[in-house]
Amino acid sequence: MGQPFWQTSILDFFIALGVVLGGVALGGMAAFLTGDYPTERMLRLAEQLKIWAMVAALGGTFDTIRAIELNVLGGQIGQAGQQLLFIVSSFIGAHMGTLLIRWLLQAEV
């Protein structure tokens, strides 16, 4: 049996948030070690990692899209809506990570 809806939504949110924050932190260290400007690299990485954070949080987009398709074709609109909310939850987590990085680096939003 699967996890409860809210538990999965919160988990997706924090996984996406963690992927962005962790990737940006390690990317900033790599930029420093290679002589690049860490602030600029971190801001670019935050934007570039957003989609990958969503994919990581959802466990692969094909499974989610397949679940939406099967539920819509099977007449279970509520289940398809839950899958869409999982996508939205992971997007919000990834976007909040990007906004947090911008705020910490005092960049223009």
N, C-alpha and C. Protein backbone atom coordinates (compact mmCIF):
# COMPACT_ATOMS: atom_id res chain seq x y z
N MET A 1 0.84 -1.19 0.00
CA MET A 1 0.00 0.00 0.00
C MET A 1 0.88 1.24 0.00
N GLY A 2 0.45 2.27 -0.71
CA GLY A 2 1.24 3.49 -0.85
C GLY A 2 1.18 4.37 0.38
N GLN A 3 2.00 5.39 0.35
CA GLN A 3 2.03 6.35 1.44
C GLN A 3 0.81 7.26 1.37
N PRO A 4 0.40 7.82 2.51
CA PRO A 4 -0.71 8.78 2.49
C PRO A 4 -0.37 10.00 1.62
N PHE A 5 -1.39 10.63 1.12
CA PHE A 5 -1.23 11.74 0.18
C PHE A 5 -0.36 12.85 0.75
N TRP A 6 -0.66 13.35 1.94
CA TRP A 6 0.07 14.49 2.49
C TRP A 6 1.52 14.13 2.79
N GLN A 7 1.74 12.91 3.23
CA GLN A 7 3.10 12.48 3.50
C GLN A 7 3.94 12.49 2.21
N THR A 8 3.37 12.01 1.13
CA THR A 8 4.07 12.00 -0.15
C THR A 8 4.28 13.42 -0.67
N SER A 9 3.29 14.28 -0.52
CA SER A 9 3.43 15.67 -0.97
C SER A 9 4.54 16.40 -0.24
N ILE A 10 4.59 16.24 1.07
CA ILE A 10 5.62 16.89 1.88
C ILE A 10 6.99 16.32 1.54
N LEU A 11 7.06 15.02 1.35
CA LEU A 11 8.32 14.38 0.98
C LEU A 11 8.82 14.90 -0.37
N ASP A 12 7.93 15.01 -1.36
CA ASP A 12 8.31 15.55 -2.67
C ASP A 12 8.81 16.99 -2.56
N PHE A 13 8.14 17.78 -1.75
CA PHE A 13 8.54 19.17 -1.54
C PHE A 13 9.97 19.26 -1.01
N PHE A 14 10.26 18.51 0.05
CA PHE A 14 11.56 18.62 0.69
C PHE A 14 12.67 17.95 -0.12
N ILE A 15 12.36 16.92 -0.86
CA ILE A 15 13.38 16.32 -1.73
C ILE A 15 13.80 17.32 -2.79
N ALA A 16 12.83 17.97 -3.44
CA ALA A 16 13.13 18.96 -4.47
C ALA A 16 13.91 20.13 -3.87
N LEU A 17 13.51 20.59 -2.70
CA LEU A 17 14.21 21.67 -2.02
C LEU A 17 15.65 21.26 -1.72
N GLY A 18 15.84 20.05 -1.23
CA GLY A 18 17.17 19.57 -0.89
C GLY A 18 18.08 19.39 -2.09
N VAL A 19 17.52 18.95 -3.20
CA VAL A 19 18.33 18.79 -4.41
C VAL A 19 18.86 20.15 -4.87
N VAL A 20 18.01 21.16 -4.86
CA VAL A 20 18.45 22.49 -5.28
C VAL A 20 19.49 23.05 -4.31
N LEU A 21 19.20 23.00 -3.02
CA LEU A 21 20.13 23.57 -2.04
C LEU A 21 21.46 22.82 -2.02
N GLY A 22 21.41 21.50 -2.04
CA GLY A 22 22.64 20.71 -2.02
C GLY A 22 23.45 20.87 -3.29
N GLY A 23 22.78 20.86 -4.43
CA GLY A 23 23.47 21.03 -5.70
C GLY A 23 24.13 22.39 -5.82
N VAL A 24 23.45 23.42 -5.35
CA VAL A 24 24.00 24.77 -5.42
C VAL A 24 25.17 24.92 -4.45
N ALA A 25 25.07 24.34 -3.26
CA ALA A 25 26.16 24.43 -2.29
C ALA A 25 27.41 23.74 -2.82
N LEU A 26 27.26 22.54 -3.33
CA LEU A 26 28.42 21.82 -3.86
C LEU A 26 28.95 22.46 -5.14
N GLY A 27 28.06 22.96 -5.97
CA GLY A 27 28.48 23.66 -7.17
C GLY A 27 29.23 24.94 -6.84
N GLY A 28 28.83 25.62 -5.79
CA GLY A 28 29.54 26.83 -5.35
C GLY A 28 30.94 26.51 -4.87
N MET A 29 31.09 25.39 -4.16
CA MET A 29 32.42 24.96 -3.73
C MET A 29 33.30 24.61 -4.93
N ALA A 30 32.71 23.93 -5.91
CA ALA A 30 33.46 23.57 -7.11
C ALA A 30 33.88 24.82 -7.88
N ALA A 31 32.99 25.81 -7.94
CA ALA A 31 33.34 27.05 -8.62
C ALA A 31 34.50 27.74 -7.92
N PHE A 32 34.48 27.74 -6.61
CA PHE A 32 35.57 28.36 -5.85
C PHE A 32 36.89 27.64 -6.11
N LEU A 33 36.85 26.32 -6.11
CA LEU A 33 38.07 25.53 -6.34
C LEU A 33 38.63 25.69 -7.75
N THR A 34 37.77 25.97 -8.71
CA THR A 34 38.23 26.12 -10.09
C THR A 34 38.50 27.57 -10.46
N GLY A 35 38.34 28.48 -9.54
CA GLY A 35 38.64 29.89 -9.80
C GLY A 35 37.51 30.65 -10.46
N ASP A 36 36.33 30.07 -10.52
CA ASP A 36 35.16 30.74 -11.08
C ASP A 36 34.52 31.60 -9.98
N TYR A 37 33.61 32.49 -10.37
CA TYR A 37 32.89 33.30 -9.39
C TYR A 37 31.76 32.46 -8.78
N PRO A 38 31.87 32.12 -7.50
CA PRO A 38 30.87 31.24 -6.89
C PRO A 38 29.45 31.80 -6.90
N THR A 39 29.31 33.10 -6.66
CA THR A 39 27.96 33.67 -6.60
C THR A 39 27.23 33.54 -7.93
N GLU A 40 27.90 33.90 -8.99
CA GLU A 40 27.26 33.81 -10.31
C GLU A 40 26.95 32.36 -10.67
N ARG A 41 27.89 31.46 -10.38
CA ARG A 41 27.69 30.05 -10.70
C ARG A 41 26.54 29.47 -9.88
N MET A 42 26.45 29.86 -8.63
CA MET A 42 25.39 29.34 -7.76
C MET A 42 24.01 29.81 -8.23
N LEU A 43 23.93 31.05 -8.68
CA LEU A 43 22.64 31.55 -9.18
C LEU A 43 22.23 30.81 -10.45
N ARG A 44 23.19 30.56 -11.34
CA ARG A 44 22.87 29.81 -12.57
C ARG A 44 22.49 28.38 -12.25
N LEU A 45 23.21 27.77 -11.31
CA LEU A 45 22.90 26.39 -10.95
C LEU A 45 21.51 26.25 -10.33
N ALA A 46 21.12 27.24 -9.53
CA ALA A 46 19.79 27.19 -8.91
C ALA A 46 18.70 27.10 -9.96
N GLU A 47 18.85 27.88 -11.02
CA GLU A 47 17.85 27.84 -12.10
C GLU A 47 17.94 26.54 -12.89
N GLN A 48 19.14 26.07 -13.16
CA GLN A 48 19.32 24.87 -13.97
C GLN A 48 18.91 23.60 -13.24
N LEU A 49 19.03 23.59 -11.93
CA LEU A 49 18.72 22.38 -11.16
C LEU A 49 17.23 22.23 -10.86
N LYS A 50 16.46 23.25 -11.14
CA LYS A 50 15.04 23.22 -10.77
C LYS A 50 14.30 22.03 -11.38
N ILE A 51 14.46 21.80 -12.68
CA ILE A 51 13.74 20.71 -13.33
C ILE A 51 14.26 19.35 -12.85
N TRP A 52 15.57 19.27 -12.62
CA TRP A 52 16.14 18.00 -12.15
C TRP A 52 15.71 17.70 -10.72
N ALA A 53 15.52 18.72 -9.94
CA ALA A 53 15.03 18.52 -8.57
C ALA A 53 13.61 17.95 -8.59
N MET A 54 12.80 18.45 -9.51
CA MET A 54 11.43 17.92 -9.64
C MET A 54 11.46 16.45 -10.07
N VAL A 55 12.31 16.14 -11.03
CA VAL A 55 12.41 14.75 -11.52
C VAL A 55 12.88 13.84 -10.39
N ALA A 56 13.86 14.28 -9.62
CA ALA A 56 14.35 13.46 -8.51
C ALA A 56 13.28 13.26 -7.45
N ALA A 57 12.52 14.30 -7.15
CA ALA A 57 11.48 14.20 -6.13
C ALA A 57 10.36 13.26 -6.54
N LEU A 58 10.06 13.25 -7.81
CA LEU A 58 8.96 12.41 -8.30
C LEU A 58 9.40 10.99 -8.60
N GLY A 59 10.69 10.74 -8.58
CA GLY A 59 11.17 9.39 -8.84
C GLY A 59 11.17 9.07 -10.32
N GLY A 60 11.21 10.06 -11.15
CA GLY A 60 11.17 9.85 -12.60
C GLY A 60 9.82 10.31 -13.13
N THR A 61 9.84 11.14 -14.12
CA THR A 61 8.59 11.73 -14.60
C THR A 61 7.73 10.74 -15.36
N PHE A 62 8.32 9.72 -15.94
CA PHE A 62 7.52 8.79 -16.73
C PHE A 62 6.52 8.02 -15.87
N ASP A 63 6.91 7.66 -14.66
CA ASP A 63 5.99 6.96 -13.76
C ASP A 63 4.80 7.84 -13.40
N THR A 64 5.06 9.10 -13.13
CA THR A 64 3.99 10.02 -12.77
C THR A 64 3.05 10.27 -13.94
N ILE A 65 3.63 10.49 -15.11
CA ILE A 65 2.80 10.73 -16.30
C ILE A 65 1.99 9.49 -16.64
N ARG A 66 2.59 8.33 -16.51
CA ARG A 66 1.88 7.07 -16.78
C ARG A 66 0.72 6.88 -15.80
N ALA A 67 0.96 7.21 -14.53
CA ALA A 67 -0.10 7.10 -13.53
C ALA A 67 -1.26 8.05 -13.85
N ILE A 68 -0.94 9.27 -14.30
CA ILE A 68 -1.99 10.21 -14.67
C ILE A 68 -2.79 9.64 -15.84
N GLU A 69 -2.10 9.12 -16.83
CA GLU A 69 -2.79 8.56 -17.99
C GLU A 69 -3.71 7.41 -17.61
N LEU A 70 -3.21 6.47 -16.82
CA LEU A 70 -4.02 5.32 -16.43
C LEU A 70 -5.22 5.73 -15.59
N ASN A 71 -5.03 6.70 -14.70
CA ASN A 71 -6.14 7.13 -13.85
C ASN A 71 -7.19 7.90 -14.63
N VAL A 72 -6.77 8.73 -15.59
CA VAL A 72 -7.75 9.47 -16.39
C VAL A 72 -8.53 8.51 -17.27
N LEU A 73 -7.81 7.60 -17.94
CA LEU A 73 -8.49 6.65 -18.81
C LEU A 73 -9.36 5.67 -18.02
N GLY A 74 -8.97 5.41 -16.78
CA GLY A 74 -9.75 4.52 -15.93
C GLY A 74 -10.90 5.22 -15.21
N GLY A 75 -11.03 6.51 -15.42
CA GLY A 75 -12.13 7.26 -14.81
C GLY A 75 -11.87 7.67 -13.38
N GLN A 76 -10.65 7.56 -12.92
CA GLN A 76 -10.33 7.95 -11.54
C GLN A 76 -9.67 9.32 -11.55
N ILE A 77 -10.49 10.33 -11.70
CA ILE A 77 -9.99 11.70 -11.83
C ILE A 77 -9.33 12.16 -10.54
N GLY A 78 -9.83 11.71 -9.40
CA GLY A 78 -9.23 12.09 -8.12
C GLY A 78 -7.80 11.62 -8.00
N GLN A 79 -7.52 10.41 -8.45
CA GLN A 79 -6.16 9.87 -8.41
C GLN A 79 -5.24 10.65 -9.35
N ALA A 80 -5.76 11.03 -10.52
CA ALA A 80 -4.97 11.83 -11.46
C ALA A 80 -4.68 13.20 -10.86
N GLY A 81 -5.65 13.76 -10.16
CA GLY A 81 -5.45 15.05 -9.49
C GLY A 81 -4.38 14.97 -8.42
N GLN A 82 -4.34 13.84 -7.71
CA GLN A 82 -3.30 13.67 -6.71
C GLN A 82 -1.91 13.67 -7.35
N GLN A 83 -1.78 13.01 -8.48
CA GLN A 83 -0.49 12.99 -9.18
C GLN A 83 -0.09 14.40 -9.62
N LEU A 84 -1.06 15.16 -10.09
CA LEU A 84 -0.77 16.55 -10.47
C LEU A 84 -0.35 17.38 -9.27
N LEU A 85 -0.96 17.13 -8.12
CA LEU A 85 -0.57 17.86 -6.91
C LEU A 85 0.82 17.46 -6.44
N PHE A 86 1.24 16.22 -6.69
CA PHE A 86 2.61 15.81 -6.38
C PHE A 86 3.59 16.60 -7.24
N ILE A 87 3.25 16.79 -8.50
CA ILE A 87 4.09 17.58 -9.41
C ILE A 87 4.18 19.02 -8.92
N VAL A 88 3.04 19.59 -8.53
CA VAL A 88 3.01 20.97 -8.05
C VAL A 88 3.82 21.09 -6.75
N SER A 89 3.70 20.12 -5.87
CA SER A 89 4.43 20.13 -4.61
C SER A 89 5.94 20.12 -4.85
N SER A 90 6.39 19.28 -5.78
CA SER A 90 7.82 19.23 -6.07
C SER A 90 8.29 20.52 -6.75
N PHE A 91 7.43 21.11 -7.60
CA PHE A 91 7.79 22.38 -8.23
C PHE A 91 7.95 23.48 -7.19
N ILE A 92 7.03 23.54 -6.25
CA ILE A 92 7.09 24.57 -5.21
C ILE A 92 8.36 24.39 -4.38
N GLY A 93 8.73 23.15 -4.05
CA GLY A 93 9.96 22.91 -3.31
C GLY A 93 11.19 23.37 -4.07
N ALA A 94 11.26 23.05 -5.36
CA ALA A 94 12.40 23.46 -6.18
C ALA A 94 12.44 24.97 -6.33
N HIS A 95 11.28 25.59 -6.52
CA HIS A 95 11.24 27.04 -6.68
C HIS A 95 11.61 27.75 -5.37
N MET A 96 11.16 27.22 -4.25
CA MET A 96 11.51 27.81 -2.96
C MET A 96 13.01 27.71 -2.72
N GLY A 97 13.62 26.61 -3.15
CA GLY A 97 15.07 26.49 -3.04
C GLY A 97 15.78 27.56 -3.85
N THR A 98 15.29 27.81 -5.06
CA THR A 98 15.88 28.84 -5.91
C THR A 98 15.70 30.22 -5.28
N LEU A 99 14.52 30.50 -4.76
CA LEU A 99 14.28 31.80 -4.11
C LEU A 99 15.15 31.96 -2.86
N LEU A 100 15.33 30.88 -2.11
CA LEU A 100 16.16 30.94 -0.91
C LEU A 100 17.62 31.23 -1.27
N ILE A 101 18.12 30.61 -2.33
CA ILE A 101 19.48 30.89 -2.78
C ILE A 101 19.62 32.34 -3.21
N ARG A 102 18.66 32.83 -3.97
CA ARG A 102 18.70 34.24 -4.39
C ARG A 102 18.69 35.17 -3.19
N TRP A 103 17.87 34.86 -2.20
CA TRP A 103 17.77 35.68 -1.01
C TRP A 103 19.08 35.65 -0.22
N LEU A 104 19.66 34.44 -0.06
CA LEU A 104 20.92 34.33 0.68
C LEU A 104 22.06 35.05 -0.02
N LEU A 105 22.05 35.05 -1.34
CA LEU A 105 23.12 35.71 -2.10
C LEU A 105 22.79 37.17 -2.40
N GLN A 106 21.65 37.64 -1.91
CA GLN A 106 21.20 39.02 -2.09
C GLN A 106 21.13 39.40 -3.57
N ALA A 107 20.65 38.47 -4.39
CA ALA A 107 20.50 38.73 -5.83
C ALA A 107 19.11 39.29 -6.09
N GLU A 108 18.96 39.93 -7.23
CA GLU A 108 17.66 40.46 -7.64
C GLU A 108 16.75 39.30 -7.99
N VAL A 109 15.52 39.33 -7.48
CA VAL A 109 14.55 38.26 -7.75
C VAL A 109 13.75 38.60 -8.89
